[in-house]
Amino acid sequence: MLTMKDIIRDGHPTLREKAKDVEVPLSNEDRETLKAMRTFLINSQDEETANKYGLRSGVGLAAPQINISKKMIAVYLPDDGEGKSYDLMLVNPKIMSHSIQEAYLPTGEGCLSVDENIPGLVHRKYRITVKAKDIDGNDVKLRLKGYPAVVVQHEIDHINGIMFYDHIDSEHPLQPHEDAVEV
């Protein structure tokens, strides 16, 4: 079982590497890694389990965050606020298209690999279309908007060596961009 000890922290060189493509079909090791990432997210959102193992709550996890430089992400979002849930294990995810309109979380973003609170708005695309493979090697095409789109972009950034705070405007960290949507 993955715990917070398995998650590397800000400053670790793996977090700044561009992750490698994953061979499909997935090896048993890659399948188990992806399942463990998903299980961590589920456990982190269960109050009793999270307290027992000292887990910080998370909705997304990328393989580089557990020091595996491969393009694999897990997202577990039981309720996006609009009655939809997302339980994703994606391999080699890539954003194929996106809206011009931006979105941001009013409280800023957090990250399991970043222990301190970094104030500032992270502007991302409001709508995205993502292509990936699932754990069984099947093609997946997702159209996401709002919060789920923000979460997936955060995780795809991880596989590209980008941290959320790289997007914060140092001059005006709390200033929303014109026409950006609060999610």
N, C-alpha and C. Protein backbone atom coordinates (compact mmCIF):
# COMPACT_ATOMS: atom_id res chain seq x y z
N MET A 1 0.84 -1.19 0.00
CA MET A 1 0.00 0.00 0.00
C MET A 1 0.88 1.25 0.00
N LEU A 2 0.55 2.18 -0.88
CA LEU A 2 1.29 3.44 -0.91
C LEU A 2 0.88 4.32 0.26
N THR A 3 1.86 5.01 0.86
CA THR A 3 1.59 5.97 1.92
C THR A 3 2.32 7.27 1.56
N MET A 4 2.23 8.25 2.43
CA MET A 4 2.90 9.53 2.18
C MET A 4 4.42 9.36 2.08
N LYS A 5 4.97 8.31 2.71
CA LYS A 5 6.41 8.05 2.62
C LYS A 5 6.84 7.72 1.19
N ASP A 6 5.90 7.22 0.39
CA ASP A 6 6.21 6.85 -1.00
C ASP A 6 6.17 8.04 -1.95
N ILE A 7 5.60 9.14 -1.49
CA ILE A 7 5.45 10.31 -2.35
C ILE A 7 6.66 11.22 -2.19
N ILE A 8 7.35 11.46 -3.31
CA ILE A 8 8.53 12.33 -3.26
C ILE A 8 8.08 13.77 -3.17
N ARG A 9 8.94 14.59 -2.57
CA ARG A 9 8.57 15.98 -2.31
C ARG A 9 9.26 16.93 -3.26
N ASP A 10 8.69 18.12 -3.31
CA ASP A 10 9.20 19.23 -4.12
C ASP A 10 10.72 19.34 -3.94
N GLY A 11 11.41 19.49 -5.05
CA GLY A 11 12.87 19.57 -5.01
C GLY A 11 13.52 18.28 -5.49
N HIS A 12 12.78 17.16 -5.45
CA HIS A 12 13.31 15.89 -5.95
C HIS A 12 13.43 15.98 -7.47
N PRO A 13 14.57 15.59 -8.05
CA PRO A 13 14.78 15.76 -9.50
C PRO A 13 13.76 15.04 -10.39
N THR A 14 13.20 13.92 -9.95
CA THR A 14 12.22 13.19 -10.78
C THR A 14 11.01 14.06 -11.10
N LEU A 15 10.64 14.95 -10.18
CA LEU A 15 9.46 15.80 -10.41
C LEU A 15 9.67 16.80 -11.55
N ARG A 16 10.91 17.02 -11.95
CA ARG A 16 11.19 17.97 -13.02
C ARG A 16 11.58 17.29 -14.33
N GLU A 17 11.55 15.96 -14.35
CA GLU A 17 11.86 15.21 -15.57
C GLU A 17 10.61 15.05 -16.42
N LYS A 18 10.84 14.95 -17.73
CA LYS A 18 9.76 14.57 -18.63
C LYS A 18 9.68 13.04 -18.56
N ALA A 19 8.54 12.53 -18.16
CA ALA A 19 8.39 11.08 -17.97
C ALA A 19 8.43 10.34 -19.31
N LYS A 20 8.75 9.06 -19.23
CA LYS A 20 8.85 8.21 -20.41
C LYS A 20 7.48 7.63 -20.77
N ASP A 21 7.29 7.39 -22.08
CA ASP A 21 6.08 6.70 -22.54
C ASP A 21 6.05 5.30 -21.93
N VAL A 22 4.85 4.80 -21.72
CA VAL A 22 4.66 3.46 -21.18
C VAL A 22 4.34 2.53 -22.33
N GLU A 23 5.00 1.36 -22.33
CA GLU A 23 4.72 0.38 -23.37
C GLU A 23 3.37 -0.25 -23.12
N VAL A 24 2.62 -0.44 -24.22
CA VAL A 24 1.30 -1.06 -24.14
C VAL A 24 1.36 -2.33 -24.98
N PRO A 25 0.87 -3.49 -24.52
CA PRO A 25 0.17 -3.68 -23.26
C PRO A 25 1.08 -3.44 -22.04
N LEU A 26 0.47 -3.04 -20.95
CA LEU A 26 1.22 -2.75 -19.74
C LEU A 26 1.85 -4.00 -19.14
N SER A 27 3.03 -3.83 -18.59
CA SER A 27 3.66 -4.92 -17.84
C SER A 27 2.86 -5.10 -16.56
N ASN A 28 3.03 -6.25 -15.92
CA ASN A 28 2.35 -6.49 -14.65
C ASN A 28 2.77 -5.44 -13.62
N GLU A 29 4.05 -5.06 -13.65
CA GLU A 29 4.56 -4.06 -12.72
C GLU A 29 3.85 -2.71 -12.92
N ASP A 30 3.70 -2.29 -14.18
CA ASP A 30 3.02 -1.02 -14.45
C ASP A 30 1.55 -1.08 -14.06
N ARG A 31 0.91 -2.21 -14.31
CA ARG A 31 -0.50 -2.38 -13.92
C ARG A 31 -0.64 -2.25 -12.40
N GLU A 32 0.25 -2.92 -11.67
CA GLU A 32 0.19 -2.89 -10.20
C GLU A 32 0.48 -1.48 -9.69
N THR A 33 1.41 -0.77 -10.32
CA THR A 33 1.71 0.61 -9.91
C THR A 33 0.47 1.49 -10.08
N LEU A 34 -0.18 1.38 -11.24
CA LEU A 34 -1.37 2.19 -11.51
C LEU A 34 -2.49 1.88 -10.51
N LYS A 35 -2.69 0.60 -10.22
CA LYS A 35 -3.72 0.21 -9.24
C LYS A 35 -3.38 0.74 -7.85
N ALA A 36 -2.10 0.70 -7.49
CA ALA A 36 -1.67 1.19 -6.17
C ALA A 36 -1.90 2.70 -6.07
N MET A 37 -1.66 3.43 -7.17
CA MET A 37 -1.89 4.87 -7.19
C MET A 37 -3.38 5.17 -6.96
N ARG A 38 -4.23 4.43 -7.65
CA ARG A 38 -5.68 4.60 -7.49
C ARG A 38 -6.11 4.29 -6.06
N THR A 39 -5.59 3.20 -5.51
CA THR A 39 -5.92 2.80 -4.14
C THR A 39 -5.49 3.87 -3.14
N PHE A 40 -4.31 4.47 -3.37
CA PHE A 40 -3.87 5.56 -2.49
C PHE A 40 -4.92 6.67 -2.46
N LEU A 41 -5.41 7.07 -3.64
CA LEU A 41 -6.39 8.16 -3.72
C LEU A 41 -7.67 7.80 -2.98
N ILE A 42 -8.15 6.58 -3.17
CA ILE A 42 -9.37 6.14 -2.49
C ILE A 42 -9.14 6.16 -0.98
N ASN A 43 -8.01 5.60 -0.53
CA ASN A 43 -7.69 5.57 0.90
C ASN A 43 -7.55 6.97 1.48
N SER A 44 -6.95 7.87 0.68
CA SER A 44 -6.70 9.23 1.18
C SER A 44 -8.00 10.01 1.37
N GLN A 45 -9.06 9.59 0.69
CA GLN A 45 -10.35 10.27 0.79
C GLN A 45 -11.27 9.62 1.83
N ASP A 46 -10.82 8.48 2.37
CA ASP A 46 -11.58 7.80 3.43
C ASP A 46 -11.01 8.27 4.77
N GLU A 47 -11.82 9.00 5.52
CA GLU A 47 -11.34 9.65 6.74
C GLU A 47 -10.64 8.69 7.71
N GLU A 48 -11.27 7.53 7.93
CA GLU A 48 -10.71 6.57 8.89
C GLU A 48 -9.36 6.02 8.41
N THR A 49 -9.29 5.62 7.14
CA THR A 49 -8.04 5.07 6.59
C THR A 49 -6.97 6.15 6.52
N ALA A 50 -7.36 7.35 6.10
CA ALA A 50 -6.40 8.45 5.99
C ALA A 50 -5.80 8.78 7.36
N ASN A 51 -6.63 8.81 8.40
CA ASN A 51 -6.12 9.08 9.75
C ASN A 51 -5.21 7.97 10.23
N LYS A 52 -5.60 6.73 9.98
CA LYS A 52 -4.83 5.57 10.44
C LYS A 52 -3.42 5.58 9.86
N TYR A 53 -3.30 5.93 8.56
CA TYR A 53 -2.01 5.87 7.88
C TYR A 53 -1.37 7.23 7.64
N GLY A 54 -2.00 8.29 8.14
CA GLY A 54 -1.43 9.63 7.98
C GLY A 54 -1.38 10.11 6.54
N LEU A 55 -2.46 9.84 5.80
CA LEU A 55 -2.51 10.21 4.38
C LEU A 55 -3.12 11.59 4.20
N ARG A 56 -2.52 12.40 3.33
CA ARG A 56 -3.15 13.66 2.93
C ARG A 56 -4.13 13.33 1.82
N SER A 57 -5.27 13.98 1.84
CA SER A 57 -6.31 13.73 0.85
C SER A 57 -5.87 14.21 -0.53
N GLY A 58 -6.10 13.38 -1.54
CA GLY A 58 -5.77 13.75 -2.90
C GLY A 58 -6.81 13.24 -3.88
N VAL A 59 -6.93 13.93 -5.02
CA VAL A 59 -7.85 13.49 -6.07
C VAL A 59 -7.11 13.02 -7.31
N GLY A 60 -5.80 13.27 -7.35
CA GLY A 60 -4.99 12.84 -8.49
C GLY A 60 -3.59 12.51 -8.06
N LEU A 61 -2.96 11.58 -8.80
CA LEU A 61 -1.58 11.19 -8.52
C LEU A 61 -0.93 10.77 -9.83
N ALA A 62 0.28 11.24 -10.05
CA ALA A 62 1.04 10.88 -11.25
C ALA A 62 2.22 10.02 -10.83
N ALA A 63 2.60 9.07 -11.69
CA ALA A 63 3.69 8.15 -11.36
C ALA A 63 4.99 8.87 -10.95
N PRO A 64 5.36 10.00 -11.58
CA PRO A 64 6.58 10.67 -11.12
C PRO A 64 6.54 11.06 -9.64
N GLN A 65 5.36 11.25 -9.09
CA GLN A 65 5.24 11.62 -7.67
C GLN A 65 5.63 10.48 -6.74
N ILE A 66 5.65 9.24 -7.26
CA ILE A 66 6.13 8.11 -6.47
C ILE A 66 7.47 7.64 -7.03
N ASN A 67 8.17 8.58 -7.66
CA ASN A 67 9.53 8.38 -8.18
C ASN A 67 9.59 7.34 -9.29
N ILE A 68 8.53 7.26 -10.08
CA ILE A 68 8.51 6.41 -11.27
C ILE A 68 8.28 7.33 -12.46
N SER A 69 9.31 7.53 -13.25
CA SER A 69 9.26 8.50 -14.34
C SER A 69 8.59 7.90 -15.59
N LYS A 70 7.30 7.61 -15.44
CA LYS A 70 6.51 7.05 -16.54
C LYS A 70 5.21 7.83 -16.65
N LYS A 71 4.66 7.86 -17.87
CA LYS A 71 3.43 8.61 -18.14
C LYS A 71 2.20 7.82 -17.71
N MET A 72 1.95 7.83 -16.40
CA MET A 72 0.77 7.17 -15.84
C MET A 72 0.17 8.10 -14.79
N ILE A 73 -1.15 8.26 -14.85
CA ILE A 73 -1.84 9.07 -13.85
C ILE A 73 -3.09 8.35 -13.37
N ALA A 74 -3.46 8.66 -12.13
CA ALA A 74 -4.72 8.17 -11.57
C ALA A 74 -5.49 9.38 -11.07
N VAL A 75 -6.80 9.36 -11.30
CA VAL A 75 -7.69 10.41 -10.80
C VAL A 75 -8.88 9.71 -10.17
N TYR A 76 -9.18 10.10 -8.94
CA TYR A 76 -10.35 9.54 -8.26
C TYR A 76 -11.14 10.71 -7.68
N LEU A 77 -12.26 10.97 -8.32
CA LEU A 77 -13.10 12.12 -7.97
C LEU A 77 -14.53 11.59 -7.84
N PRO A 78 -14.93 11.19 -6.61
CA PRO A 78 -16.25 10.58 -6.46
C PRO A 78 -17.41 11.52 -6.78
N ASP A 79 -17.16 12.84 -6.66
CA ASP A 79 -18.21 13.80 -6.99
C ASP A 79 -17.54 15.11 -7.41
N ASP A 80 -17.79 15.49 -8.66
CA ASP A 80 -17.15 16.71 -9.19
C ASP A 80 -17.94 17.96 -8.85
N GLY A 81 -18.99 17.81 -8.04
CA GLY A 81 -19.82 18.96 -7.70
C GLY A 81 -21.02 19.10 -8.64
N GLU A 82 -20.99 18.35 -9.74
CA GLU A 82 -22.09 18.39 -10.71
C GLU A 82 -22.73 17.02 -10.86
N GLY A 83 -22.50 16.16 -9.86
CA GLY A 83 -23.12 14.84 -9.88
C GLY A 83 -22.41 13.79 -10.71
N LYS A 84 -21.25 14.11 -11.25
CA LYS A 84 -20.49 13.14 -12.02
C LYS A 84 -19.31 12.66 -11.18
N SER A 85 -18.90 11.41 -11.41
CA SER A 85 -17.73 10.90 -10.72
C SER A 85 -16.71 10.43 -11.76
N TYR A 86 -15.44 10.45 -11.35
CA TYR A 86 -14.35 10.07 -12.24
C TYR A 86 -13.43 9.11 -11.50
N ASP A 87 -13.20 7.97 -12.13
CA ASP A 87 -12.30 6.95 -11.59
C ASP A 87 -11.40 6.56 -12.77
N LEU A 88 -10.28 7.25 -12.89
CA LEU A 88 -9.46 7.13 -14.09
C LEU A 88 -8.07 6.58 -13.77
N MET A 89 -7.61 5.65 -14.59
CA MET A 89 -6.23 5.20 -14.59
C MET A 89 -5.78 5.33 -16.04
N LEU A 90 -4.98 6.36 -16.31
CA LEU A 90 -4.63 6.68 -17.69
C LEU A 90 -3.14 6.48 -17.95
N VAL A 91 -2.85 5.96 -19.13
CA VAL A 91 -1.48 5.71 -19.57
C VAL A 91 -1.21 6.57 -20.80
N ASN A 92 -0.06 7.22 -20.81
CA ASN A 92 0.35 8.10 -21.91
C ASN A 92 -0.72 9.14 -22.26
N PRO A 93 -1.30 9.81 -21.25
CA PRO A 93 -2.34 10.80 -21.55
C PRO A 93 -1.77 12.02 -22.27
N LYS A 94 -2.56 12.55 -23.19
CA LYS A 94 -2.12 13.71 -23.95
C LYS A 94 -3.34 14.60 -24.22
N ILE A 95 -3.17 15.89 -24.01
CA ILE A 95 -4.26 16.83 -24.30
C ILE A 95 -4.25 17.08 -25.80
N MET A 96 -5.36 16.74 -26.45
CA MET A 96 -5.46 16.86 -27.91
C MET A 96 -6.02 18.22 -28.32
N SER A 97 -6.92 18.75 -27.50
CA SER A 97 -7.48 20.07 -27.79
C SER A 97 -7.98 20.68 -26.48
N HIS A 98 -8.16 22.00 -26.51
CA HIS A 98 -8.62 22.68 -25.30
C HIS A 98 -9.33 23.97 -25.69
N SER A 99 -10.11 24.46 -24.74
CA SER A 99 -10.83 25.72 -24.95
C SER A 99 -9.86 26.89 -24.82
N ILE A 100 -10.27 28.02 -25.33
CA ILE A 100 -9.52 29.26 -25.11
C ILE A 100 -9.82 29.72 -23.68
N GLN A 101 -11.08 29.52 -23.27
CA GLN A 101 -11.49 29.96 -21.93
C GLN A 101 -10.69 29.23 -20.85
N GLU A 102 -10.33 29.99 -19.82
CA GLU A 102 -9.56 29.44 -18.72
C GLU A 102 -10.44 29.22 -17.49
N ALA A 103 -9.92 28.40 -16.56
CA ALA A 103 -10.58 28.13 -15.30
C ALA A 103 -9.52 28.14 -14.20
N TYR A 104 -9.98 28.36 -12.97
CA TYR A 104 -9.06 28.32 -11.84
C TYR A 104 -9.84 27.96 -10.58
N LEU A 105 -9.14 27.43 -9.61
CA LEU A 105 -9.73 27.16 -8.30
C LEU A 105 -9.51 28.40 -7.45
N PRO A 106 -10.57 28.95 -6.85
CA PRO A 106 -10.44 30.20 -6.09
C PRO A 106 -9.47 30.12 -4.91
N THR A 107 -9.27 28.90 -4.39
CA THR A 107 -8.37 28.72 -3.26
C THR A 107 -6.95 28.37 -3.72
N GLY A 108 -6.73 28.32 -5.04
CA GLY A 108 -5.44 27.88 -5.56
C GLY A 108 -5.39 26.36 -5.58
N GLU A 109 -4.25 25.82 -5.97
CA GLU A 109 -4.09 24.37 -6.05
C GLU A 109 -3.12 23.90 -4.97
N GLY A 110 -3.28 22.65 -4.62
CA GLY A 110 -2.35 21.99 -3.72
C GLY A 110 -1.79 20.77 -4.42
N CYS A 111 -0.83 20.11 -3.77
CA CYS A 111 -0.19 18.96 -4.41
C CYS A 111 0.36 18.07 -3.31
N LEU A 112 0.21 16.76 -3.48
CA LEU A 112 0.73 15.81 -2.50
C LEU A 112 2.25 15.89 -2.39
N SER A 113 2.93 16.39 -3.43
CA SER A 113 4.38 16.51 -3.41
C SER A 113 4.86 17.85 -2.87
N VAL A 114 3.93 18.75 -2.56
CA VAL A 114 4.30 20.08 -2.06
C VAL A 114 3.68 20.23 -0.66
N ASP A 115 4.55 20.30 0.34
CA ASP A 115 4.06 20.33 1.72
C ASP A 115 3.52 21.68 2.15
N GLU A 116 4.09 22.77 1.61
CA GLU A 116 3.63 24.08 2.06
C GLU A 116 2.49 24.59 1.16
N ASN A 117 1.73 25.51 1.71
CA ASN A 117 0.66 26.15 0.96
C ASN A 117 1.28 27.26 0.11
N ILE A 118 1.09 27.22 -1.20
CA ILE A 118 1.64 28.24 -2.08
C ILE A 118 0.46 29.06 -2.62
N PRO A 119 0.30 30.30 -2.12
CA PRO A 119 -0.84 31.09 -2.56
C PRO A 119 -0.69 31.57 -4.01
N GLY A 120 -1.81 31.59 -4.70
CA GLY A 120 -1.81 32.08 -6.08
C GLY A 120 -2.78 31.27 -6.92
N LEU A 121 -3.33 31.92 -7.93
CA LEU A 121 -4.27 31.26 -8.82
C LEU A 121 -3.50 30.55 -9.93
N VAL A 122 -3.95 29.33 -10.24
CA VAL A 122 -3.36 28.53 -11.31
C VAL A 122 -4.39 28.51 -12.44
N HIS A 123 -4.10 29.22 -13.52
CA HIS A 123 -5.04 29.26 -14.65
C HIS A 123 -4.78 28.07 -15.56
N ARG A 124 -5.85 27.36 -15.84
CA ARG A 124 -5.79 26.19 -16.73
C ARG A 124 -6.92 26.33 -17.75
N LYS A 125 -6.95 25.42 -18.70
CA LYS A 125 -8.01 25.45 -19.70
C LYS A 125 -9.31 24.94 -19.08
N TYR A 126 -10.43 25.60 -19.40
CA TYR A 126 -11.72 25.21 -18.84
C TYR A 126 -12.19 23.86 -19.40
N ARG A 127 -11.97 23.66 -20.69
CA ARG A 127 -12.37 22.39 -21.34
C ARG A 127 -11.15 21.78 -22.02
N ILE A 128 -11.04 20.45 -21.91
CA ILE A 128 -9.96 19.74 -22.59
C ILE A 128 -10.48 18.44 -23.18
N THR A 129 -9.82 17.98 -24.22
CA THR A 129 -10.05 16.64 -24.75
C THR A 129 -8.73 15.90 -24.60
N VAL A 130 -8.80 14.75 -23.94
CA VAL A 130 -7.61 13.97 -23.64
C VAL A 130 -7.72 12.61 -24.33
N LYS A 131 -6.60 12.19 -24.92
CA LYS A 131 -6.49 10.83 -25.45
C LYS A 131 -5.47 10.10 -24.59
N ALA A 132 -5.77 8.82 -24.31
CA ALA A 132 -4.88 8.01 -23.49
C ALA A 132 -5.20 6.54 -23.75
N LYS A 133 -4.50 5.69 -23.03
CA LYS A 133 -4.83 4.26 -22.98
C LYS A 133 -5.29 3.98 -21.56
N ASP A 134 -6.18 3.00 -21.41
CA ASP A 134 -6.57 2.61 -20.06
C ASP A 134 -5.64 1.49 -19.59
N ILE A 135 -5.88 0.96 -18.41
CA ILE A 135 -5.00 -0.05 -17.83
C ILE A 135 -4.94 -1.32 -18.68
N ASP A 136 -5.97 -1.55 -19.49
CA ASP A 136 -6.02 -2.73 -20.35
C ASP A 136 -5.50 -2.45 -21.76
N GLY A 137 -5.00 -1.23 -21.99
CA GLY A 137 -4.44 -0.89 -23.30
C GLY A 137 -5.46 -0.40 -24.30
N ASN A 138 -6.71 -0.20 -23.86
CA ASN A 138 -7.75 0.30 -24.76
C ASN A 138 -7.62 1.81 -24.93
N ASP A 139 -7.99 2.30 -26.13
CA ASP A 139 -7.99 3.74 -26.38
C ASP A 139 -9.09 4.40 -25.56
N VAL A 140 -8.75 5.55 -25.00
CA VAL A 140 -9.70 6.34 -24.21
C VAL A 140 -9.67 7.75 -24.75
N LYS A 141 -10.85 8.34 -24.92
CA LYS A 141 -10.95 9.75 -25.28
C LYS A 141 -11.92 10.39 -24.30
N LEU A 142 -11.43 11.40 -23.59
CA LEU A 142 -12.25 12.06 -22.58
C LEU A 142 -12.44 13.52 -22.93
N ARG A 143 -13.66 13.98 -22.75
CA ARG A 143 -13.94 15.42 -22.85
C ARG A 143 -14.28 15.87 -21.43
N LEU A 144 -13.46 16.76 -20.90
CA LEU A 144 -13.62 17.19 -19.52
C LEU A 144 -13.77 18.69 -19.45
N LYS A 145 -14.50 19.15 -18.43
CA LYS A 145 -14.61 20.59 -18.22
C LYS A 145 -14.62 20.87 -16.73
N GLY A 146 -14.28 22.09 -16.37
CA GLY A 146 -14.33 22.50 -14.98
C GLY A 146 -13.31 21.77 -14.11
N TYR A 147 -13.76 21.38 -12.91
CA TYR A 147 -12.86 20.78 -11.93
C TYR A 147 -12.14 19.52 -12.43
N PRO A 148 -12.85 18.54 -13.03
CA PRO A 148 -12.14 17.36 -13.54
C PRO A 148 -11.06 17.73 -14.57
N ALA A 149 -11.32 18.73 -15.40
CA ALA A 149 -10.33 19.18 -16.39
C ALA A 149 -9.10 19.77 -15.69
N VAL A 150 -9.33 20.53 -14.62
CA VAL A 150 -8.23 21.11 -13.85
C VAL A 150 -7.37 20.00 -13.24
N VAL A 151 -8.03 19.00 -12.64
CA VAL A 151 -7.31 17.90 -11.99
C VAL A 151 -6.46 17.14 -13.01
N VAL A 152 -7.03 16.80 -14.14
CA VAL A 152 -6.29 16.03 -15.15
C VAL A 152 -5.13 16.87 -15.70
N GLN A 153 -5.32 18.16 -15.92
CA GLN A 153 -4.22 19.01 -16.39
C GLN A 153 -3.09 19.06 -15.35
N HIS A 154 -3.44 19.12 -14.07
CA HIS A 154 -2.44 19.13 -13.00
C HIS A 154 -1.58 17.85 -13.07
N GLU A 155 -2.25 16.70 -13.27
CA GLU A 155 -1.52 15.42 -13.31
C GLU A 155 -0.70 15.28 -14.59
N ILE A 156 -1.24 15.74 -15.72
CA ILE A 156 -0.48 15.69 -16.98
C ILE A 156 0.75 16.59 -16.87
N ASP A 157 0.60 17.73 -16.19
CA ASP A 157 1.78 18.58 -15.93
C ASP A 157 2.88 17.78 -15.23
N HIS A 158 2.49 16.95 -14.25
CA HIS A 158 3.50 16.16 -13.52
C HIS A 158 4.31 15.26 -14.46
N ILE A 159 3.67 14.66 -15.44
CA ILE A 159 4.42 13.78 -16.33
C ILE A 159 5.29 14.57 -17.32
N ASN A 160 5.08 15.88 -17.34
CA ASN A 160 5.89 16.75 -18.19
C ASN A 160 6.89 17.58 -17.36
N GLY A 161 7.03 17.24 -16.08
CA GLY A 161 8.00 17.93 -15.23
C GLY A 161 7.60 19.33 -14.81
N ILE A 162 6.29 19.62 -14.84
CA ILE A 162 5.78 20.96 -14.51
C ILE A 162 5.04 20.89 -13.17
N MET A 163 5.32 21.84 -12.29
CA MET A 163 4.64 21.93 -11.00
C MET A 163 3.55 22.99 -11.09
N PHE A 164 2.50 22.85 -10.28
CA PHE A 164 1.36 23.78 -10.37
C PHE A 164 1.79 25.23 -10.18
N TYR A 165 2.74 25.47 -9.28
CA TYR A 165 3.12 26.86 -8.98
C TYR A 165 3.88 27.52 -10.12
N ASP A 166 4.32 26.72 -11.11
CA ASP A 166 4.96 27.29 -12.31
C ASP A 166 3.97 28.17 -13.08
N HIS A 167 2.67 27.93 -12.88
CA HIS A 167 1.63 28.67 -13.59
C HIS A 167 1.20 29.95 -12.87
N ILE A 168 1.65 30.16 -11.64
CA ILE A 168 1.21 31.32 -10.86
C ILE A 168 1.95 32.57 -11.34
N ASP A 169 1.20 33.62 -11.60
CA ASP A 169 1.75 34.90 -12.05
C ASP A 169 2.45 35.56 -10.85
N SER A 170 3.76 35.71 -10.92
CA SER A 170 4.50 36.25 -9.77
C SER A 170 4.18 37.72 -9.50
N GLU A 171 3.78 38.44 -10.53
CA GLU A 171 3.44 39.86 -10.36
C GLU A 171 2.07 40.04 -9.71
N HIS A 172 1.09 39.22 -10.15
CA HIS A 172 -0.29 39.33 -9.66
C HIS A 172 -0.83 37.93 -9.34
N PRO A 173 -0.31 37.29 -8.28
CA PRO A 173 -0.66 35.89 -8.01
C PRO A 173 -2.14 35.62 -7.74
N LEU A 174 -2.86 36.60 -7.23
CA LEU A 174 -4.27 36.37 -6.88
C LEU A 174 -5.25 37.04 -7.84
N GLN A 175 -4.75 37.53 -8.96
CA GLN A 175 -5.58 38.23 -9.95
C GLN A 175 -6.10 37.25 -11.00
N PRO A 176 -7.42 37.03 -11.04
CA PRO A 176 -7.95 36.15 -12.09
C PRO A 176 -7.75 36.78 -13.48
N HIS A 177 -7.47 35.94 -14.45
CA HIS A 177 -7.38 36.44 -15.83
C HIS A 177 -8.78 36.85 -16.28
N GLU A 178 -8.81 37.78 -17.23
CA GLU A 178 -10.08 38.23 -17.77
C GLU A 178 -10.82 37.05 -18.41
N ASP A 179 -12.10 36.95 -18.15
CA ASP A 179 -12.98 35.89 -18.67
C ASP A 179 -12.70 34.50 -18.11
N ALA A 180 -11.79 34.35 -17.14
CA ALA A 180 -11.53 33.04 -16.55
C ALA A 180 -12.70 32.66 -15.63
N VAL A 181 -13.01 31.37 -15.57
CA VAL A 181 -14.13 30.85 -14.79
C VAL A 181 -13.62 30.27 -13.49
N GLU A 182 -14.26 30.65 -12.39
CA GLU A 182 -13.94 30.06 -11.09
C GLU A 182 -14.65 28.71 -11.00
N VAL A 183 -13.91 27.65 -10.66
CA VAL A 183 -14.53 26.31 -10.54
C VAL A 183 -14.37 25.76 -9.13
